[in-house]
Amino acid sequence: MYRRTVVYDEPADKEAFDSRYTHEHIPLVKAVPGLGSFRVSHPQGGTPYLVAELFWPSEDAFEASAATPEMAEARDHAESCGTTFTAYNGHVADV
């Protein structure tokens, strides 16, 4: 399994961010071809504000998805949601 984790910093306007993320960004991400699953969470106790986890069955599947117009649209949209973020990619191993 391969995962992209996106860690969002606390936005200045949480209500606007949440609305835009929920109503606009999530549908864009869910439309990315080849995406296996998608989870979001609001960690308790401070930063980060939101963590999104996107899963693919393999790195090759991720690479194919990453090259699609749908992924480019979702990536561009994330940059306009009202806060900064950091993305990490990597293999997931059961231990």
PDB file of N, CA and C in Angstrom:
ATOM      1  N   MET A   1       0.849  -1.161   0.000  1.00  0.00           N
ATOM      2  CA  MET A   1       0.000   0.000   0.000  1.00  0.00           C
ATOM      3  C   MET A   1       0.903   1.234   0.000  1.00  0.00           C
ATOM      4  N   TYR A   2       0.419   2.296  -0.617  1.00  0.00           N
ATOM      5  CA  TYR A   2       1.164   3.546  -0.708  1.00  0.00           C
ATOM      6  C   TYR A   2       0.267   4.677  -0.222  1.00  0.00           C
ATOM      7  N   ARG A   3       0.852   5.606   0.535  1.00  0.00           N
ATOM      8  CA  ARG A   3       0.037   6.656   1.151  1.00  0.00           C
ATOM      9  C   ARG A   3       0.640   8.037   0.901  1.00  0.00           C
ATOM     10  N   ARG A   4      -0.251   8.999   0.676  1.00  0.00           N
ATOM     11  CA  ARG A   4       0.105  10.417   0.727  1.00  0.00           C
ATOM     12  C   ARG A   4      -0.595  10.981   1.952  1.00  0.00           C
ATOM     13  N   THR A   5       0.180  11.595   2.828  1.00  0.00           N
ATOM     14  CA  THR A   5      -0.351  12.243   4.017  1.00  0.00           C
ATOM     15  C   THR A   5      -0.192  13.744   3.825  1.00  0.00           C
ATOM     16  N   VAL A   6      -1.284  14.474   3.993  1.00  0.00           N
ATOM     17  CA  VAL A   6      -1.253  15.926   3.850  1.00  0.00           C
ATOM     18  C   VAL A   6      -1.611  16.520   5.212  1.00  0.00           C
ATOM     19  N   VAL A   7      -0.702  17.332   5.739  1.00  0.00           N
ATOM     20  CA  VAL A   7      -0.844  17.915   7.064  1.00  0.00           C
ATOM     21  C   VAL A   7      -1.096  19.416   6.888  1.00  0.00           C
ATOM     22  N   TYR A   8      -2.296  19.847   7.269  1.00  0.00           N
ATOM     23  CA  TYR A   8      -2.699  21.249   7.111  1.00  0.00           C
ATOM     24  C   TYR A   8      -2.473  22.015   8.407  1.00  0.00           C
ATOM     25  N   ASP A   9      -1.873  23.199   8.260  1.00  0.00           N
ATOM     26  CA  ASP A   9      -1.686  24.093   9.402  1.00  0.00           C
ATOM     27  C   ASP A   9      -3.016  24.747   9.756  1.00  0.00           C
ATOM     28  N   GLU A  10      -3.077  25.325  10.947  1.00  0.00           N
ATOM     29  CA  GLU A  10      -4.311  25.961  11.391  1.00  0.00           C
ATOM     30  C   GLU A  10      -4.611  27.185  10.526  1.00  0.00           C
ATOM     31  N   PRO A  11      -5.807  27.229   9.939  1.00  0.00           N
ATOM     32  CA  PRO A  11      -6.165  28.372   9.100  1.00  0.00           C
ATOM     33  C   PRO A  11      -6.589  29.571   9.959  1.00  0.00           C
ATOM     34  N   ALA A  12      -6.451  30.752   9.396  1.00  0.00           N
ATOM     35  CA  ALA A  12      -6.894  31.967  10.090  1.00  0.00           C
ATOM     36  C   ALA A  12      -8.406  31.951  10.274  1.00  0.00           C
ATOM     37  N   ASP A  13      -9.110  31.461   9.256  1.00  0.00           N
ATOM     38  CA  ASP A  13     -10.574  31.386   9.300  1.00  0.00           C
ATOM     39  C   ASP A  13     -10.978  29.910   9.204  1.00  0.00           C
ATOM     40  N   LYS A  14     -11.115  29.273  10.356  1.00  0.00           N
ATOM     41  CA  LYS A  14     -11.408  27.834  10.396  1.00  0.00           C
ATOM     42  C   LYS A  14     -12.733  27.496   9.719  1.00  0.00           C
ATOM     43  N   GLU A  15     -13.751  28.305   9.950  1.00  0.00           N
ATOM     44  CA  GLU A  15     -15.064  28.036   9.377  1.00  0.00           C
ATOM     45  C   GLU A  15     -15.020  28.075   7.851  1.00  0.00           C
ATOM     46  N   ALA A  16     -14.353  29.065   7.291  1.00  0.00           N
ATOM     47  CA  ALA A  16     -14.239  29.171   5.830  1.00  0.00           C
ATOM     48  C   ALA A  16     -13.431  27.999   5.271  1.00  0.00           C
ATOM     49  N   PHE A  17     -12.321  27.655   5.950  1.00  0.00           N
ATOM     50  CA  PHE A  17     -11.509  26.526   5.507  1.00  0.00           C
ATOM     51  C   PHE A  17     -12.322  25.234   5.516  1.00  0.00           C
ATOM     52  N   ASP A  18     -12.999  24.963   6.640  1.00  0.00           N
ATOM     53  CA  ASP A  18     -13.773  23.729   6.754  1.00  0.00           C
ATOM     54  C   ASP A  18     -14.837  23.634   5.678  1.00  0.00           C
ATOM     55  N   SER A  19     -15.518  24.727   5.409  1.00  0.00           N
ATOM     56  CA  SER A  19     -16.563  24.722   4.388  1.00  0.00           C
ATOM     57  C   SER A  19     -15.971  24.457   3.009  1.00  0.00           C
ATOM     58  N   ARG A  20     -14.918  25.161   2.680  1.00  0.00           N
ATOM     59  CA  ARG A  20     -14.296  24.996   1.366  1.00  0.00           C
ATOM     60  C   ARG A  20     -13.709  23.589   1.223  1.00  0.00           C
ATOM     61  N   TYR A  21     -13.061  23.105   2.272  1.00  0.00           N
ATOM     62  CA  TYR A  21     -12.458  21.774   2.215  1.00  0.00           C
ATOM     63  C   TYR A  21     -13.534  20.706   2.041  1.00  0.00           C
ATOM     64  N   THR A  22     -14.591  20.803   2.844  1.00  0.00           N
ATOM     65  CA  THR A  22     -15.651  19.799   2.817  1.00  0.00           C
ATOM     66  C   THR A  22     -16.447  19.814   1.518  1.00  0.00           C
ATOM     67  N   HIS A  23     -16.845  20.993   1.083  1.00  0.00           N
ATOM     68  CA  HIS A  23     -17.763  21.096  -0.055  1.00  0.00           C
ATOM     69  C   HIS A  23     -17.078  21.151  -1.409  1.00  0.00           C
ATOM     70  N   GLU A  24     -15.823  21.552  -1.438  1.00  0.00           N
ATOM     71  CA  GLU A  24     -15.125  21.668  -2.718  1.00  0.00           C
ATOM     72  C   GLU A  24     -13.964  20.688  -2.853  1.00  0.00           C
ATOM     73  N   HIS A  25     -13.098  20.658  -1.828  1.00  0.00           N
ATOM     74  CA  HIS A  25     -11.873  19.873  -1.976  1.00  0.00           C
ATOM     75  C   HIS A  25     -12.108  18.365  -1.909  1.00  0.00           C
ATOM     76  N   ILE A  26     -12.880  17.930  -0.937  1.00  0.00           N
ATOM     77  CA  ILE A  26     -13.122  16.485  -0.807  1.00  0.00           C
ATOM     78  C   ILE A  26     -13.699  15.885  -2.085  1.00  0.00           C
ATOM     79  N   PRO A  27     -14.704  16.498  -2.726  1.00  0.00           N
ATOM     80  CA  PRO A  27     -15.188  15.924  -3.986  1.00  0.00           C
ATOM     81  C   PRO A  27     -14.111  15.856  -5.076  1.00  0.00           C
ATOM     82  N   LEU A  28     -13.214  16.842  -5.117  1.00  0.00           N
ATOM     83  CA  LEU A  28     -12.132  16.811  -6.101  1.00  0.00           C
ATOM     84  C   LEU A  28     -11.190  15.639  -5.843  1.00  0.00           C
ATOM     85  N   VAL A  29     -10.844  15.433  -4.581  1.00  0.00           N
ATOM     86  CA  VAL A  29      -9.942  14.329  -4.241  1.00  0.00           C
ATOM     87  C   VAL A  29     -10.608  12.991  -4.556  1.00  0.00           C
ATOM     88  N   LYS A  30     -11.864  12.853  -4.206  1.00  0.00           N
ATOM     89  CA  LYS A  30     -12.563  11.586  -4.441  1.00  0.00           C
ATOM     90  C   LYS A  30     -12.701  11.266  -5.922  1.00  0.00           C
ATOM     91  N   ALA A  31     -12.552  12.273  -6.791  1.00  0.00           N
ATOM     92  CA  ALA A  31     -12.643  12.068  -8.235  1.00  0.00           C
ATOM     93  C   ALA A  31     -11.312  11.652  -8.873  1.00  0.00           C
ATOM     94  N   VAL A  32     -10.237  11.600  -8.084  1.00  0.00           N
ATOM     95  CA  VAL A  32      -8.926  11.227  -8.623  1.00  0.00           C
ATOM     96  C   VAL A  32      -8.952   9.752  -9.029  1.00  0.00           C
ATOM     97  N   PRO A  33      -8.663   9.458 -10.300  1.00  0.00           N
ATOM     98  CA  PRO A  33      -8.670   8.062 -10.755  1.00  0.00           C
ATOM     99  C   PRO A  33      -7.639   7.214 -10.010  1.00  0.00           C
ATOM    100  N   GLY A  34      -8.041   6.023  -9.640  1.00  0.00           N
ATOM    101  CA  GLY A  34      -7.133   5.076  -9.015  1.00  0.00           C
ATOM    102  C   GLY A  34      -6.987   5.207  -7.515  1.00  0.00           C
ATOM    103  N   LEU A  35      -7.557   6.256  -6.914  1.00  0.00           N
ATOM    104  CA  LEU A  35      -7.465   6.434  -5.469  1.00  0.00           C
ATOM    105  C   LEU A  35      -8.195   5.296  -4.773  1.00  0.00           C
ATOM    106  N   GLY A  36      -7.523   4.649  -3.823  1.00  0.00           N
ATOM    107  CA  GLY A  36      -8.135   3.542  -3.119  1.00  0.00           C
ATOM    108  C   GLY A  36      -9.049   3.990  -2.004  1.00  0.00           C
ATOM    109  N   SER A  37      -8.539   4.833  -1.104  1.00  0.00           N
ATOM    110  CA  SER A  37      -9.357   5.354  -0.005  1.00  0.00           C
ATOM    111  C   SER A  37      -8.801   6.700   0.437  1.00  0.00           C
ATOM    112  N   PHE A  38      -9.616   7.404   1.211  1.00  0.00           N
ATOM    113  CA  PHE A  38      -9.311   8.778   1.596  1.00  0.00           C
ATOM    114  C   PHE A  38      -9.894   9.000   2.986  1.00  0.00           C
ATOM    115  N   ARG A  39      -9.054   9.458   3.927  1.00  0.00           N
ATOM    116  CA  ARG A  39      -9.490   9.710   5.298  1.00  0.00           C
ATOM    117  C   ARG A  39      -9.034  11.095   5.722  1.00  0.00           C
ATOM    118  N   VAL A  40      -9.836  11.745   6.549  1.00  0.00           N
ATOM    119  CA  VAL A  40      -9.433  13.021   7.137  1.00  0.00           C
ATOM    120  C   VAL A  40      -9.676  12.975   8.638  1.00  0.00           C
ATOM    121  N   SER A  41      -8.859  13.730   9.379  1.00  0.00           N
ATOM    122  CA  SER A  41      -9.047  13.825  10.822  1.00  0.00           C
ATOM    123  C   SER A  41      -8.598  15.199  11.304  1.00  0.00           C
ATOM    124  N   HIS A  42      -9.209  15.621  12.396  1.00  0.00           N
ATOM    125  CA  HIS A  42      -8.814  16.835  13.106  1.00  0.00           C
ATOM    126  C   HIS A  42      -8.169  16.374  14.412  1.00  0.00           C
ATOM    127  N   PRO A  43      -6.828  16.311  14.453  1.00  0.00           N
ATOM    128  CA  PRO A  43      -6.174  15.877  15.686  1.00  0.00           C
ATOM    129  C   PRO A  43      -6.522  16.793  16.861  1.00  0.00           C
ATOM    130  N   GLN A  44      -6.620  16.225  18.018  1.00  0.00           N
ATOM    131  CA  GLN A  44      -6.949  16.972  19.238  1.00  0.00           C
ATOM    132  C   GLN A  44      -5.691  17.600  19.831  1.00  0.00           C
ATOM    133  N   GLY A  45      -5.852  18.756  20.450  1.00  0.00           N
ATOM    134  CA  GLY A  45      -4.772  19.327  21.229  1.00  0.00           C
ATOM    135  C   GLY A  45      -3.819  20.243  20.489  1.00  0.00           C
ATOM    136  N   GLY A  46      -4.242  20.869  19.399  1.00  0.00           N
ATOM    137  CA  GLY A  46      -3.363  21.826  18.738  1.00  0.00           C
ATOM    138  C   GLY A  46      -3.070  21.466  17.303  1.00  0.00           C
ATOM    139  N   THR A  47      -1.899  21.869  16.855  1.00  0.00           N
ATOM    140  CA  THR A  47      -1.545  21.651  15.461  1.00  0.00           C
ATOM    141  C   THR A  47      -1.127  20.211  15.258  1.00  0.00           C
ATOM    142  N   PRO A  48      -1.277  19.643  14.093  1.00  0.00           N
ATOM    143  CA  PRO A  48      -1.857  20.245  12.898  1.00  0.00           C
ATOM    144  C   PRO A  48      -3.373  20.401  13.022  1.00  0.00           C
ATOM    145  N   TYR A  49      -3.925  21.195  12.122  1.00  0.00           N
ATOM    146  CA  TYR A  49      -5.369  21.423  12.149  1.00  0.00           C
ATOM    147  C   TYR A  49      -6.130  20.257  11.528  1.00  0.00           C
ATOM    148  N   LEU A  50      -5.635  19.775  10.392  1.00  0.00           N
ATOM    149  CA  LEU A  50      -6.304  18.686   9.693  1.00  0.00           C
ATOM    150  C   LEU A  50      -5.253  17.788   9.066  1.00  0.00           C
ATOM    151  N   VAL A  51      -5.500  16.495   9.068  1.00  0.00           N
ATOM    152  CA  VAL A  51      -4.620  15.530   8.415  1.00  0.00           C
ATOM    153  C   VAL A  51      -5.463  14.730   7.434  1.00  0.00           C
ATOM    154  N   ALA A  52      -5.006  14.688   6.193  1.00  0.00           N
ATOM    155  CA  ALA A  52      -5.672  13.890   5.163  1.00  0.00           C
ATOM    156  C   ALA A  52      -4.742  12.744   4.768  1.00  0.00           C
ATOM    157  N   GLU A  53      -5.311  11.559   4.644  1.00  0.00           N
ATOM    158  CA  GLU A  53      -4.546  10.388   4.225  1.00  0.00           C
ATOM    159  C   GLU A  53      -5.211   9.799   2.994  1.00  0.00           C
ATOM    160  N   LEU A  54      -4.436   9.686   1.939  1.00  0.00           N
ATOM    161  CA  LEU A  54      -4.912   9.134   0.671  1.00  0.00           C
ATOM    162  C   LEU A  54      -4.130   7.854   0.413  1.00  0.00           C
ATOM    163  N   PHE A  55      -4.828   6.788   0.034  1.00  0.00           N
ATOM    164  CA  PHE A  55      -4.192   5.476  -0.122  1.00  0.00           C
ATOM    165  C   PHE A  55      -4.365   4.927  -1.531  1.00  0.00           C
ATOM    166  N   TRP A  56      -3.302   4.291  -2.027  1.00  0.00           N
ATOM    167  CA  TRP A  56      -3.305   3.574  -3.303  1.00  0.00           C
ATOM    168  C   TRP A  56      -2.749   2.177  -3.058  1.00  0.00           C
ATOM    169  N   PRO A  57      -3.079   1.240  -3.921  1.00  0.00           N
ATOM    170  CA  PRO A  57      -2.580  -0.127  -3.716  1.00  0.00           C
ATOM    171  C   PRO A  57      -1.073  -0.263  -3.913  1.00  0.00           C
ATOM    172  N   SER A  58      -0.448   0.680  -4.648  1.00  0.00           N
ATOM    173  CA  SER A  58       0.990   0.591  -4.903  1.00  0.00           C
ATOM    174  C   SER A  58       1.540   1.969  -5.269  1.00  0.00           C
ATOM    175  N   GLU A  59       2.858   2.072  -5.255  1.00  0.00           N
ATOM    176  CA  GLU A  59       3.486   3.322  -5.681  1.00  0.00           C
ATOM    177  C   GLU A  59       3.212   3.586  -7.155  1.00  0.00           C
ATOM    178  N   ASP A  60       3.202   2.536  -7.977  1.00  0.00           N
ATOM    179  CA  ASP A  60       2.894   2.701  -9.404  1.00  0.00           C
ATOM    180  C   ASP A  60       1.490   3.260  -9.601  1.00  0.00           C
ATOM    181  N   ALA A  61       0.529   2.775  -8.808  1.00  0.00           N
ATOM    182  CA  ALA A  61      -0.839   3.290  -8.899  1.00  0.00           C
ATOM    183  C   ALA A  61      -0.880   4.758  -8.484  1.00  0.00           C
ATOM    184  N   PHE A  62      -0.124   5.121  -7.443  1.00  0.00           N
ATOM    185  CA  PHE A  62      -0.040   6.518  -7.030  1.00  0.00           C
ATOM    186  C   PHE A  62       0.541   7.369  -8.152  1.00  0.00           C
ATOM    187  N   GLU A  63       1.635   6.933  -8.733  1.00  0.00           N
ATOM    188  CA  GLU A  63       2.283   7.688  -9.814  1.00  0.00           C
ATOM    189  C   GLU A  63       1.330   7.901 -10.988  1.00  0.00           C
ATOM    190  N   ALA A  64       0.560   6.874 -11.328  1.00  0.00           N
ATOM    191  CA  ALA A  64      -0.414   7.019 -12.418  1.00  0.00           C
ATOM    192  C   ALA A  64      -1.471   8.052 -12.048  1.00  0.00           C
ATOM    193  N   SER A  65      -1.960   8.007 -10.818  1.00  0.00           N
ATOM    194  CA  SER A  65      -2.953   8.988 -10.355  1.00  0.00           C
ATOM    195  C   SER A  65      -2.374  10.394 -10.322  1.00  0.00           C
ATOM    196  N   ALA A  66      -1.124  10.500  -9.879  1.00  0.00           N
ATOM    197  CA  ALA A  66      -0.483  11.805  -9.746  1.00  0.00           C
ATOM    198  C   ALA A  66      -0.347  12.522 -11.082  1.00  0.00           C
ATOM    199  N   ALA A  67      -0.354  11.765 -12.165  1.00  0.00           N
ATOM    200  CA  ALA A  67      -0.189  12.348 -13.500  1.00  0.00           C
ATOM    201  C   ALA A  67      -1.509  12.761 -14.147  1.00  0.00           C
ATOM    202  N   THR A  68      -2.618  12.586 -13.448  1.00  0.00           N
ATOM    203  CA  THR A  68      -3.924  12.881 -14.052  1.00  0.00           C
ATOM    204  C   THR A  68      -4.323  14.349 -13.865  1.00  0.00           C
ATOM    205  N   PRO A  69      -5.165  14.853 -14.754  1.00  0.00           N
ATOM    206  CA  PRO A  69      -5.687  16.216 -14.583  1.00  0.00           C
ATOM    207  C   PRO A  69      -6.486  16.365 -13.289  1.00  0.00           C
ATOM    208  N   GLU A  70      -7.161  15.316 -12.859  1.00  0.00           N
ATOM    209  CA  GLU A  70      -7.947  15.371 -11.629  1.00  0.00           C
ATOM    210  C   GLU A  70      -7.046  15.609 -10.410  1.00  0.00           C
ATOM    211  N   MET A  71      -5.893  14.945 -10.390  1.00  0.00           N
ATOM    212  CA  MET A  71      -4.954  15.153  -9.276  1.00  0.00           C
ATOM    213  C   MET A  71      -4.382  16.564  -9.335  1.00  0.00           C
ATOM    214  N   ALA A  72      -4.072  17.043 -10.517  1.00  0.00           N
ATOM    215  CA  ALA A  72      -3.553  18.407 -10.654  1.00  0.00           C
ATOM    216  C   ALA A  72      -4.581  19.419 -10.158  1.00  0.00           C
ATOM    217  N   GLU A  73      -5.852  19.199 -10.477  1.00  0.00           N
ATOM    218  CA  GLU A  73      -6.904  20.103 -10.021  1.00  0.00           C
ATOM    219  C   GLU A  73      -7.024  20.072  -8.501  1.00  0.00           C
ATOM    220  N   ALA A  74      -6.983  18.878  -7.906  1.00  0.00           N
ATOM    221  CA  ALA A  74      -7.072  18.756  -6.450  1.00  0.00           C
ATOM    222  C   ALA A  74      -5.873  19.418  -5.777  1.00  0.00           C
ATOM    223  N   ARG A  75      -4.694  19.228  -6.332  1.00  0.00           N
ATOM    224  CA  ARG A  75      -3.471  19.820  -5.776  1.00  0.00           C
ATOM    225  C   ARG A  75      -3.548  21.351  -5.836  1.00  0.00           C
ATOM    226  N   ASP A  76      -3.974  21.885  -6.980  1.00  0.00           N
ATOM    227  CA  ASP A  76      -4.110  23.339  -7.121  1.00  0.00           C
ATOM    228  C   ASP A  76      -5.159  23.891  -6.156  1.00  0.00           C
ATOM    229  N   HIS A  77      -6.252  23.152  -6.008  1.00  0.00           N
ATOM    230  CA  HIS A  77      -7.316  23.601  -5.116  1.00  0.00           C
ATOM    231  C   HIS A  77      -6.838  23.644  -3.666  1.00  0.00           C
ATOM    232  N   ALA A  78      -6.053  22.662  -3.256  1.00  0.00           N
ATOM    233  CA  ALA A  78      -5.540  22.619  -1.880  1.00  0.00           C
ATOM    234  C   ALA A  78      -4.757  23.885  -1.558  1.00  0.00           C
ATOM    235  N   GLU A  79      -4.053  24.402  -2.546  1.00  0.00           N
ATOM    236  CA  GLU A  79      -3.245  25.597  -2.329  1.00  0.00           C
ATOM    237  C   GLU A  79      -4.105  26.849  -2.140  1.00  0.00           C
ATOM    238  N   SER A  80      -5.395  26.756  -2.482  1.00  0.00           N
ATOM    239  CA  SER A  80      -6.266  27.930  -2.363  1.00  0.00           C
ATOM    240  C   SER A  80      -7.302  27.783  -1.240  1.00  0.00           C
ATOM    241  N   CYS A  81      -7.118  26.809  -0.379  1.00  0.00           N
ATOM    242  CA  CYS A  81      -8.114  26.555   0.679  1.00  0.00           C
ATOM    243  C   CYS A  81      -7.975  27.468   1.893  1.00  0.00           C
ATOM    244  N   GLY A  82      -6.902  28.219   1.996  1.00  0.00           N
ATOM    245  CA  GLY A  82      -6.808  29.172   3.090  1.00  0.00           C
ATOM    246  C   GLY A  82      -5.802  28.856   4.171  1.00  0.00           C
ATOM    247  N   THR A  83      -4.908  27.882   3.922  1.00  0.00           N
ATOM    248  CA  THR A  83      -3.832  27.618   4.876  1.00  0.00           C
ATOM    249  C   THR A  83      -2.699  26.901   4.169  1.00  0.00           C
ATOM    250  N   THR A  84      -1.580  26.795   4.844  1.00  0.00           N
ATOM    251  CA  THR A  84      -0.437  26.076   4.290  1.00  0.00           C
ATOM    252  C   THR A  84      -0.520  24.604   4.676  1.00  0.00           C
ATOM    253  N   PHE A  85       0.208  23.787   3.948  1.00  0.00           N
ATOM    254  CA  PHE A  85       0.211  22.356   4.225  1.00  0.00           C
ATOM    255  C   PHE A  85       1.531  21.747   3.789  1.00  0.00           C
ATOM    256  N   THR A  86       1.796  20.561   4.293  1.00  0.00           N
ATOM    257  CA  THR A  86       2.952  19.769   3.901  1.00  0.00           C
ATOM    258  C   THR A  86       2.458  18.386   3.520  1.00  0.00           C
ATOM    259  N   ALA A  87       2.996  17.842   2.432  1.00  0.00           N
ATOM    260  CA  ALA A  87       2.590  16.509   1.975  1.00  0.00           C
ATOM    261  C   ALA A  87       3.769  15.551   2.066  1.00  0.00           C
ATOM    262  N   TYR A  88       3.470  14.327   2.483  1.00  0.00           N
ATOM    263  CA  TYR A  88       4.462  13.266   2.598  1.00  0.00           C
ATOM    264  C   TYR A  88       3.953  12.045   1.848  1.00  0.00           C
ATOM    265  N   ASN A  89       4.832  11.359   1.155  1.00  0.00           N
ATOM    266  CA  ASN A  89       4.471  10.127   0.464  1.00  0.00           C
ATOM    267  C   ASN A  89       5.316   8.990   1.010  1.00  0.00           C
ATOM    268  N   GLY A  90       4.754   7.782   0.980  1.00  0.00           N
ATOM    269  CA  GLY A  90       5.549   6.636   1.373  1.00  0.00           C
ATOM    270  C   GLY A  90       4.765   5.346   1.416  1.00  0.00           C
ATOM    271  N   HIS A  91       5.522   4.265   1.431  1.00  0.00           N
ATOM    272  CA  HIS A  91       4.928   2.938   1.544  1.00  0.00           C
ATOM    273  C   HIS A  91       4.419   2.718   2.972  1.00  0.00           C
ATOM    274  N   VAL A  92       3.337   1.977   3.076  1.00  0.00           N
ATOM    275  CA  VAL A  92       2.769   1.628   4.363  1.00  0.00           C
ATOM    276  C   VAL A  92       3.055   0.163   4.609  1.00  0.00           C
ATOM    277  N   ALA A  93       3.602  -0.133   5.771  1.00  0.00           N
ATOM    278  CA  ALA A  93       3.938  -1.522   6.109  1.00  0.00           C
ATOM    279  C   ALA A  93       3.206  -1.937   7.377  1.00  0.00           C
ATOM    280  N   ASP A  94       2.616  -3.099   7.353  1.00  0.00           N
ATOM    281  CA  ASP A  94       2.062  -3.668   8.565  1.00  0.00           C
ATOM    282  C   ASP A  94       3.201  -4.256   9.378  1.00  0.00           C
ATOM    283  N   VAL A  95       3.239  -3.950  10.654  1.00  0.00           N
ATOM    284  CA  VAL A  95       4.333  -4.461  11.493  1.00  0.00           C
ATOM    285  C   VAL A  95       3.778  -5.179  12.700  1.00  0.00           C
TER     286      VAL A  95
END
